[in-house]
Amino acid sequence: MLAIRLDPEIEGRLERLAKLTGRTKTFYAREAILEHLEDLEDVYLAKQRLERPGRTYSADEVKDELGL
């Protein structure tokens, strides 16, 4: 369960969208959170990777490792 406070303008926009489409405000709030959550997770993983970069391999090293 999650309760959030929205600016009245945003609340109104969400209400109008829900009425126009026959969906619930909860549906759209859930969709927005899921979409943004994926973006935030991607950013977090990218920052984490930049902070701890792995080893860089040359093209020749990769070819040798793959037997090409």
PDB file of N, CA and C in Angstrom:
ATOM      1  N   MET A   1       0.850  -1.177   0.000  1.00  0.00           N
ATOM      2  CA  MET A   1       0.000   0.000   0.000  1.00  0.00           C
ATOM      3  C   MET A   1       0.889   1.232   0.000  1.00  0.00           C
ATOM      4  N   LEU A   2       0.494   2.211  -0.786  1.00  0.00           N
ATOM      5  CA  LEU A   2       1.269   3.436  -0.910  1.00  0.00           C
ATOM      6  C   LEU A   2       0.300   4.604  -0.986  1.00  0.00           C
ATOM      7  N   ALA A   3       0.573   5.630  -0.228  1.00  0.00           N
ATOM      8  CA  ALA A   3      -0.231   6.852  -0.293  1.00  0.00           C
ATOM      9  C   ALA A   3       0.691   7.994  -0.665  1.00  0.00           C
ATOM     10  N   ILE A   4       0.297   8.787  -1.649  1.00  0.00           N
ATOM     11  CA  ILE A   4       1.119   9.925  -2.064  1.00  0.00           C
ATOM     12  C   ILE A   4       0.257  11.174  -2.158  1.00  0.00           C
ATOM     13  N   ARG A   5       0.891  12.301  -1.916  1.00  0.00           N
ATOM     14  CA  ARG A   5       0.216  13.579  -2.077  1.00  0.00           C
ATOM     15  C   ARG A   5       0.660  14.156  -3.419  1.00  0.00           C
ATOM     16  N   LEU A   6      -0.312  14.597  -4.182  1.00  0.00           N
ATOM     17  CA  LEU A   6      -0.026  15.199  -5.474  1.00  0.00           C
ATOM     18  C   LEU A   6      -0.445  16.651  -5.474  1.00  0.00           C
ATOM     19  N   ASP A   7       0.272  17.433  -6.233  1.00  0.00           N
ATOM     20  CA  ASP A   7      -0.125  18.811  -6.463  1.00  0.00           C
ATOM     21  C   ASP A   7      -1.538  18.784  -7.058  1.00  0.00           C
ATOM     22  N   PRO A   8      -2.401  19.716  -6.678  1.00  0.00           N
ATOM     23  CA  PRO A   8      -3.783  19.705  -7.191  1.00  0.00           C
ATOM     24  C   PRO A   8      -3.865  19.681  -8.727  1.00  0.00           C
ATOM     25  N   GLU A   9      -2.957  20.346  -9.387  1.00  0.00           N
ATOM     26  CA  GLU A   9      -2.963  20.352 -10.864  1.00  0.00           C
ATOM     27  C   GLU A   9      -2.690  18.948 -11.405  1.00  0.00           C
ATOM     28  N   ILE A  10      -1.718  18.281 -10.830  1.00  0.00           N
ATOM     29  CA  ILE A  10      -1.398  16.923 -11.267  1.00  0.00           C
ATOM     30  C   ILE A  10      -2.541  15.979 -10.938  1.00  0.00           C
ATOM     31  N   GLU A  11      -3.110  16.136  -9.774  1.00  0.00           N
ATOM     32  CA  GLU A  11      -4.266  15.321  -9.375  1.00  0.00           C
ATOM     33  C   GLU A  11      -5.411  15.498 -10.377  1.00  0.00           C
ATOM     34  N   GLY A  12      -5.643  16.739 -10.774  1.00  0.00           N
ATOM     35  CA  GLY A  12      -6.696  17.017 -11.746  1.00  0.00           C
ATOM     36  C   GLY A  12      -6.421  16.384 -13.097  1.00  0.00           C
ATOM     37  N   ARG A  13      -5.194  16.485 -13.537  1.00  0.00           N
ATOM     38  CA  ARG A  13      -4.829  15.864 -14.817  1.00  0.00           C
ATOM     39  C   ARG A  13      -5.017  14.358 -14.765  1.00  0.00           C
ATOM     40  N   LEU A  14      -4.606  13.769 -13.666  1.00  0.00           N
ATOM     41  CA  LEU A  14      -4.754  12.327 -13.496  1.00  0.00           C
ATOM     42  C   LEU A  14      -6.232  11.935 -13.469  1.00  0.00           C
ATOM     43  N   GLU A  15      -7.020  12.707 -12.778  1.00  0.00           N
ATOM     44  CA  GLU A  15      -8.467  12.455 -12.700  1.00  0.00           C
ATOM     45  C   GLU A  15      -9.107  12.542 -14.087  1.00  0.00           C
ATOM     46  N   ARG A  16      -8.748  13.575 -14.848  1.00  0.00           N
ATOM     47  CA  ARG A  16      -9.317  13.725 -16.192  1.00  0.00           C
ATOM     48  C   ARG A  16      -8.924  12.563 -17.096  1.00  0.00           C
ATOM     49  N   LEU A  17      -7.663  12.181 -17.038  1.00  0.00           N
ATOM     50  CA  LEU A  17      -7.201  11.059 -17.850  1.00  0.00           C
ATOM     51  C   LEU A  17      -7.958   9.785 -17.499  1.00  0.00           C
ATOM     52  N   ALA A  18      -8.120   9.543 -16.230  1.00  0.00           N
ATOM     53  CA  ALA A  18      -8.837   8.349 -15.781  1.00  0.00           C
ATOM     54  C   ALA A  18     -10.279   8.354 -16.289  1.00  0.00           C
ATOM     55  N   LYS A  19     -10.941   9.492 -16.189  1.00  0.00           N
ATOM     56  CA  LYS A  19     -12.330   9.582 -16.643  1.00  0.00           C
ATOM     57  C   LYS A  19     -12.435   9.414 -18.158  1.00  0.00           C
ATOM     58  N   LEU A  20     -11.527  10.039 -18.888  1.00  0.00           N
ATOM     59  CA  LEU A  20     -11.568   9.960 -20.349  1.00  0.00           C
ATOM     60  C   LEU A  20     -11.333   8.548 -20.870  1.00  0.00           C
ATOM     61  N   THR A  21     -10.554   7.788 -20.166  1.00  0.00           N
ATOM     62  CA  THR A  21     -10.153   6.469 -20.654  1.00  0.00           C
ATOM     63  C   THR A  21     -10.870   5.311 -19.979  1.00  0.00           C
ATOM     64  N   GLY A  22     -11.584   5.603 -18.908  1.00  0.00           N
ATOM     65  CA  GLY A  22     -12.267   4.534 -18.192  1.00  0.00           C
ATOM     66  C   GLY A  22     -11.342   3.690 -17.327  1.00  0.00           C
ATOM     67  N   ARG A  23     -10.156   4.161 -17.118  1.00  0.00           N
ATOM     68  CA  ARG A  23      -9.208   3.477 -16.235  1.00  0.00           C
ATOM     69  C   ARG A  23      -9.192   4.187 -14.883  1.00  0.00           C
ATOM     70  N   THR A  24      -8.530   3.571 -13.919  1.00  0.00           N
ATOM     71  CA  THR A  24      -8.458   4.190 -12.591  1.00  0.00           C
ATOM     72  C   THR A  24      -7.214   5.061 -12.475  1.00  0.00           C
ATOM     73  N   LYS A  25      -7.263   5.974 -11.529  1.00  0.00           N
ATOM     74  CA  LYS A  25      -6.073   6.774 -11.233  1.00  0.00           C
ATOM     75  C   LYS A  25      -4.940   5.860 -10.771  1.00  0.00           C
ATOM     76  N   THR A  26      -5.294   4.830 -10.031  1.00  0.00           N
ATOM     77  CA  THR A  26      -4.291   3.877  -9.548  1.00  0.00           C
ATOM     78  C   THR A  26      -3.574   3.206 -10.703  1.00  0.00           C
ATOM     79  N   PHE A  27      -4.317   2.853 -11.744  1.00  0.00           N
ATOM     80  CA  PHE A  27      -3.710   2.233 -12.914  1.00  0.00           C
ATOM     81  C   PHE A  27      -2.614   3.135 -13.478  1.00  0.00           C
ATOM     82  N   TYR A  28      -2.945   4.400 -13.699  1.00  0.00           N
ATOM     83  CA  TYR A  28      -1.973   5.315 -14.297  1.00  0.00           C
ATOM     84  C   TYR A  28      -0.822   5.640 -13.350  1.00  0.00           C
ATOM     85  N   ALA A  29      -1.089   5.742 -12.071  1.00  0.00           N
ATOM     86  CA  ALA A  29      -0.016   5.979 -11.105  1.00  0.00           C
ATOM     87  C   ALA A  29       0.950   4.797 -11.105  1.00  0.00           C
ATOM     88  N   ARG A  30       0.402   3.582 -11.129  1.00  0.00           N
ATOM     89  CA  ARG A  30       1.239   2.379 -11.153  1.00  0.00           C
ATOM     90  C   ARG A  30       2.088   2.344 -12.436  1.00  0.00           C
ATOM     91  N   GLU A  31       1.466   2.642 -13.571  1.00  0.00           N
ATOM     92  CA  GLU A  31       2.188   2.646 -14.843  1.00  0.00           C
ATOM     93  C   GLU A  31       3.325   3.673 -14.830  1.00  0.00           C
ATOM     94  N   ALA A  32       3.044   4.849 -14.318  1.00  0.00           N
ATOM     95  CA  ALA A  32       4.065   5.906 -14.269  1.00  0.00           C
ATOM     96  C   ALA A  32       5.221   5.498 -13.360  1.00  0.00           C
ATOM     97  N   ILE A  33       4.903   4.924 -12.220  1.00  0.00           N
ATOM     98  CA  ILE A  33       5.954   4.495 -11.284  1.00  0.00           C
ATOM     99  C   ILE A  33       6.799   3.394 -11.900  1.00  0.00           C
ATOM    100  N   LEU A  34       6.161   2.410 -12.514  1.00  0.00           N
ATOM    101  CA  LEU A  34       6.913   1.312 -13.124  1.00  0.00           C
ATOM    102  C   LEU A  34       7.844   1.809 -14.225  1.00  0.00           C
ATOM    103  N   GLU A  35       7.344   2.712 -15.057  1.00  0.00           N
ATOM    104  CA  GLU A  35       8.165   3.241 -16.153  1.00  0.00           C
ATOM    105  C   GLU A  35       9.358   4.016 -15.595  1.00  0.00           C
ATOM    106  N   HIS A  36       9.107   4.863 -14.629  1.00  0.00           N
ATOM    107  CA  HIS A  36      10.183   5.678 -14.073  1.00  0.00           C
ATOM    108  C   HIS A  36      11.145   4.833 -13.237  1.00  0.00           C
ATOM    109  N   LEU A  37      10.621   3.840 -12.560  1.00  0.00           N
ATOM    110  CA  LEU A  37      11.458   2.959 -11.747  1.00  0.00           C
ATOM    111  C   LEU A  37      12.489   2.244 -12.613  1.00  0.00           C
ATOM    112  N   GLU A  38      12.074   1.785 -13.792  1.00  0.00           N
ATOM    113  CA  GLU A  38      13.008   1.129 -14.703  1.00  0.00           C
ATOM    114  C   GLU A  38      14.117   2.090 -15.118  1.00  0.00           C
ATOM    115  N   ASP A  39      13.746   3.340 -15.406  1.00  0.00           N
ATOM    116  CA  ASP A  39      14.749   4.344 -15.769  1.00  0.00           C
ATOM    117  C   ASP A  39      15.717   4.594 -14.614  1.00  0.00           C
ATOM    118  N   LEU A  40      15.183   4.731 -13.408  1.00  0.00           N
ATOM    119  CA  LEU A  40      16.032   4.971 -12.240  1.00  0.00           C
ATOM    120  C   LEU A  40      16.975   3.798 -11.979  1.00  0.00           C
ATOM    121  N   GLU A  41      16.477   2.583 -12.144  1.00  0.00           N
ATOM    122  CA  GLU A  41      17.332   1.405 -11.967  1.00  0.00           C
ATOM    123  C   GLU A  41      18.455   1.392 -12.997  1.00  0.00           C
ATOM    124  N   ASP A  42      18.131   1.748 -14.248  1.00  0.00           N
ATOM    125  CA  ASP A  42      19.154   1.806 -15.288  1.00  0.00           C
ATOM    126  C   ASP A  42      20.225   2.844 -14.965  1.00  0.00           C
ATOM    127  N   VAL A  43      19.793   4.012 -14.497  1.00  0.00           N
ATOM    128  CA  VAL A  43      20.744   5.069 -14.138  1.00  0.00           C
ATOM    129  C   VAL A  43      21.629   4.604 -12.988  1.00  0.00           C
ATOM    130  N   TYR A  44      21.034   3.999 -11.987  1.00  0.00           N
ATOM    131  CA  TYR A  44      21.795   3.511 -10.838  1.00  0.00           C
ATOM    132  C   TYR A  44      22.842   2.490 -11.278  1.00  0.00           C
ATOM    133  N   LEU A  45      22.443   1.541 -12.111  1.00  0.00           N
ATOM    134  CA  LEU A  45      23.381   0.522 -12.569  1.00  0.00           C
ATOM    135  C   LEU A  45      24.496   1.128 -13.408  1.00  0.00           C
ATOM    136  N   ALA A  46      24.163   2.108 -14.249  1.00  0.00           N
ATOM    137  CA  ALA A  46      25.178   2.762 -15.076  1.00  0.00           C
ATOM    138  C   ALA A  46      26.181   3.523 -14.201  1.00  0.00           C
ATOM    139  N   LYS A  47      25.682   4.250 -13.201  1.00  0.00           N
ATOM    140  CA  LYS A  47      26.578   4.982 -12.294  1.00  0.00           C
ATOM    141  C   LYS A  47      27.469   4.012 -11.527  1.00  0.00           C
ATOM    142  N   GLN A  48      26.885   2.928 -11.082  1.00  0.00           N
ATOM    143  CA  GLN A  48      27.642   1.918 -10.342  1.00  0.00           C
ATOM    144  C   GLN A  48      28.751   1.344 -11.219  1.00  0.00           C
ATOM    145  N   ARG A  49      28.436   1.081 -12.467  1.00  0.00           N
ATOM    146  CA  ARG A  49      29.423   0.517 -13.395  1.00  0.00           C
ATOM    147  C   ARG A  49      30.541   1.530 -13.673  1.00  0.00           C
ATOM    148  N   LEU A  50      30.191   2.800 -13.790  1.00  0.00           N
ATOM    149  CA  LEU A  50      31.206   3.832 -14.040  1.00  0.00           C
ATOM    150  C   LEU A  50      32.137   3.993 -12.845  1.00  0.00           C
ATOM    151  N   GLU A  51      31.609   3.786 -11.651  1.00  0.00           N
ATOM    152  CA  GLU A  51      32.432   3.910 -10.447  1.00  0.00           C
ATOM    153  C   GLU A  51      33.397   2.742 -10.306  1.00  0.00           C
ATOM    154  N   ARG A  52      33.013   1.589 -10.834  1.00  0.00           N
ATOM    155  CA  ARG A  52      33.857   0.396 -10.760  1.00  0.00           C
ATOM    156  C   ARG A  52      33.969  -0.242 -12.137  1.00  0.00           C
ATOM    157  N   PRO A  53      34.714   0.414 -13.024  1.00  0.00           N
ATOM    158  CA  PRO A  53      34.816  -0.125 -14.385  1.00  0.00           C
ATOM    159  C   PRO A  53      35.558  -1.465 -14.410  1.00  0.00           C
ATOM    160  N   GLY A  54      35.167  -2.285 -15.325  1.00  0.00           N
ATOM    161  CA  GLY A  54      35.837  -3.569 -15.503  1.00  0.00           C
ATOM    162  C   GLY A  54      37.068  -3.407 -16.379  1.00  0.00           C
ATOM    163  N   ARG A  55      37.724  -4.497 -16.623  1.00  0.00           N
ATOM    164  CA  ARG A  55      38.921  -4.482 -17.457  1.00  0.00           C
ATOM    165  C   ARG A  55      38.528  -4.224 -18.902  1.00  0.00           C
ATOM    166  N   THR A  56      39.362  -3.482 -19.617  1.00  0.00           N
ATOM    167  CA  THR A  56      39.156  -3.216 -21.034  1.00  0.00           C
ATOM    168  C   THR A  56      40.011  -4.186 -21.835  1.00  0.00           C
ATOM    169  N   TYR A  57      39.413  -4.767 -22.849  1.00  0.00           N
ATOM    170  CA  TYR A  57      40.117  -5.730 -23.704  1.00  0.00           C
ATOM    171  C   TYR A  57      40.291  -5.138 -25.093  1.00  0.00           C
ATOM    172  N   SER A  58      41.434  -5.396 -25.680  1.00  0.00           N
ATOM    173  CA  SER A  58      41.658  -4.954 -27.060  1.00  0.00           C
ATOM    174  C   SER A  58      40.950  -5.923 -27.998  1.00  0.00           C
ATOM    175  N   ALA A  59      40.781  -5.503 -29.240  1.00  0.00           N
ATOM    176  CA  ALA A  59      40.147  -6.368 -30.235  1.00  0.00           C
ATOM    177  C   ALA A  59      40.969  -7.648 -30.421  1.00  0.00           C
ATOM    178  N   ASP A  60      42.290  -7.513 -30.413  1.00  0.00           N
ATOM    179  CA  ASP A  60      43.141  -8.699 -30.584  1.00  0.00           C
ATOM    180  C   ASP A  60      42.966  -9.673 -29.421  1.00  0.00           C
ATOM    181  N   GLU A  61      42.860  -9.157 -28.206  1.00  0.00           N
ATOM    182  CA  GLU A  61      42.647 -10.034 -27.042  1.00  0.00           C
ATOM    183  C   GLU A  61      41.318 -10.787 -27.148  1.00  0.00           C
ATOM    184  N   VAL A  62      40.303 -10.090 -27.603  1.00  0.00           N
ATOM    185  CA  VAL A  62      38.997 -10.724 -27.737  1.00  0.00           C
ATOM    186  C   VAL A  62      39.058 -11.807 -28.815  1.00  0.00           C
ATOM    187  N   LYS A  63      39.684 -11.480 -29.936  1.00  0.00           N
ATOM    188  CA  LYS A  63      39.823 -12.461 -31.022  1.00  0.00           C
ATOM    189  C   LYS A  63      40.580 -13.701 -30.545  1.00  0.00           C
ATOM    190  N   ASP A  64      41.678 -13.472 -29.811  1.00  0.00           N
ATOM    191  CA  ASP A  64      42.462 -14.602 -29.291  1.00  0.00           C
ATOM    192  C   ASP A  64      41.626 -15.442 -28.326  1.00  0.00           C
ATOM    193  N   GLU A  65      40.902 -14.779 -27.445  1.00  0.00           N
ATOM    194  CA  GLU A  65      40.098 -15.499 -26.457  1.00  0.00           C
ATOM    195  C   GLU A  65      39.002 -16.335 -27.127  1.00  0.00           C
ATOM    196  N   LEU A  66      38.448 -15.792 -28.225  1.00  0.00           N
ATOM    197  CA  LEU A  66      37.379 -16.495 -28.942  1.00  0.00           C
ATOM    198  C   LEU A  66      37.909 -17.449 -30.008  1.00  0.00           C
ATOM    199  N   GLY A  67      39.210 -17.437 -30.188  1.00  0.00           N
ATOM    200  CA  GLY A  67      39.803 -18.313 -31.199  1.00  0.00           C
ATOM    201  C   GLY A  67      39.503 -17.893 -32.622  1.00  0.00           C
ATOM    202  N   LEU A  68      39.414 -16.621 -32.853  1.00  0.00           N
ATOM    203  CA  LEU A  68      39.121 -16.103 -34.201  1.00  0.00           C
ATOM    204  C   LEU A  68      40.362 -15.689 -34.942  1.00  0.00           C
TER     205      LEU A  68
END
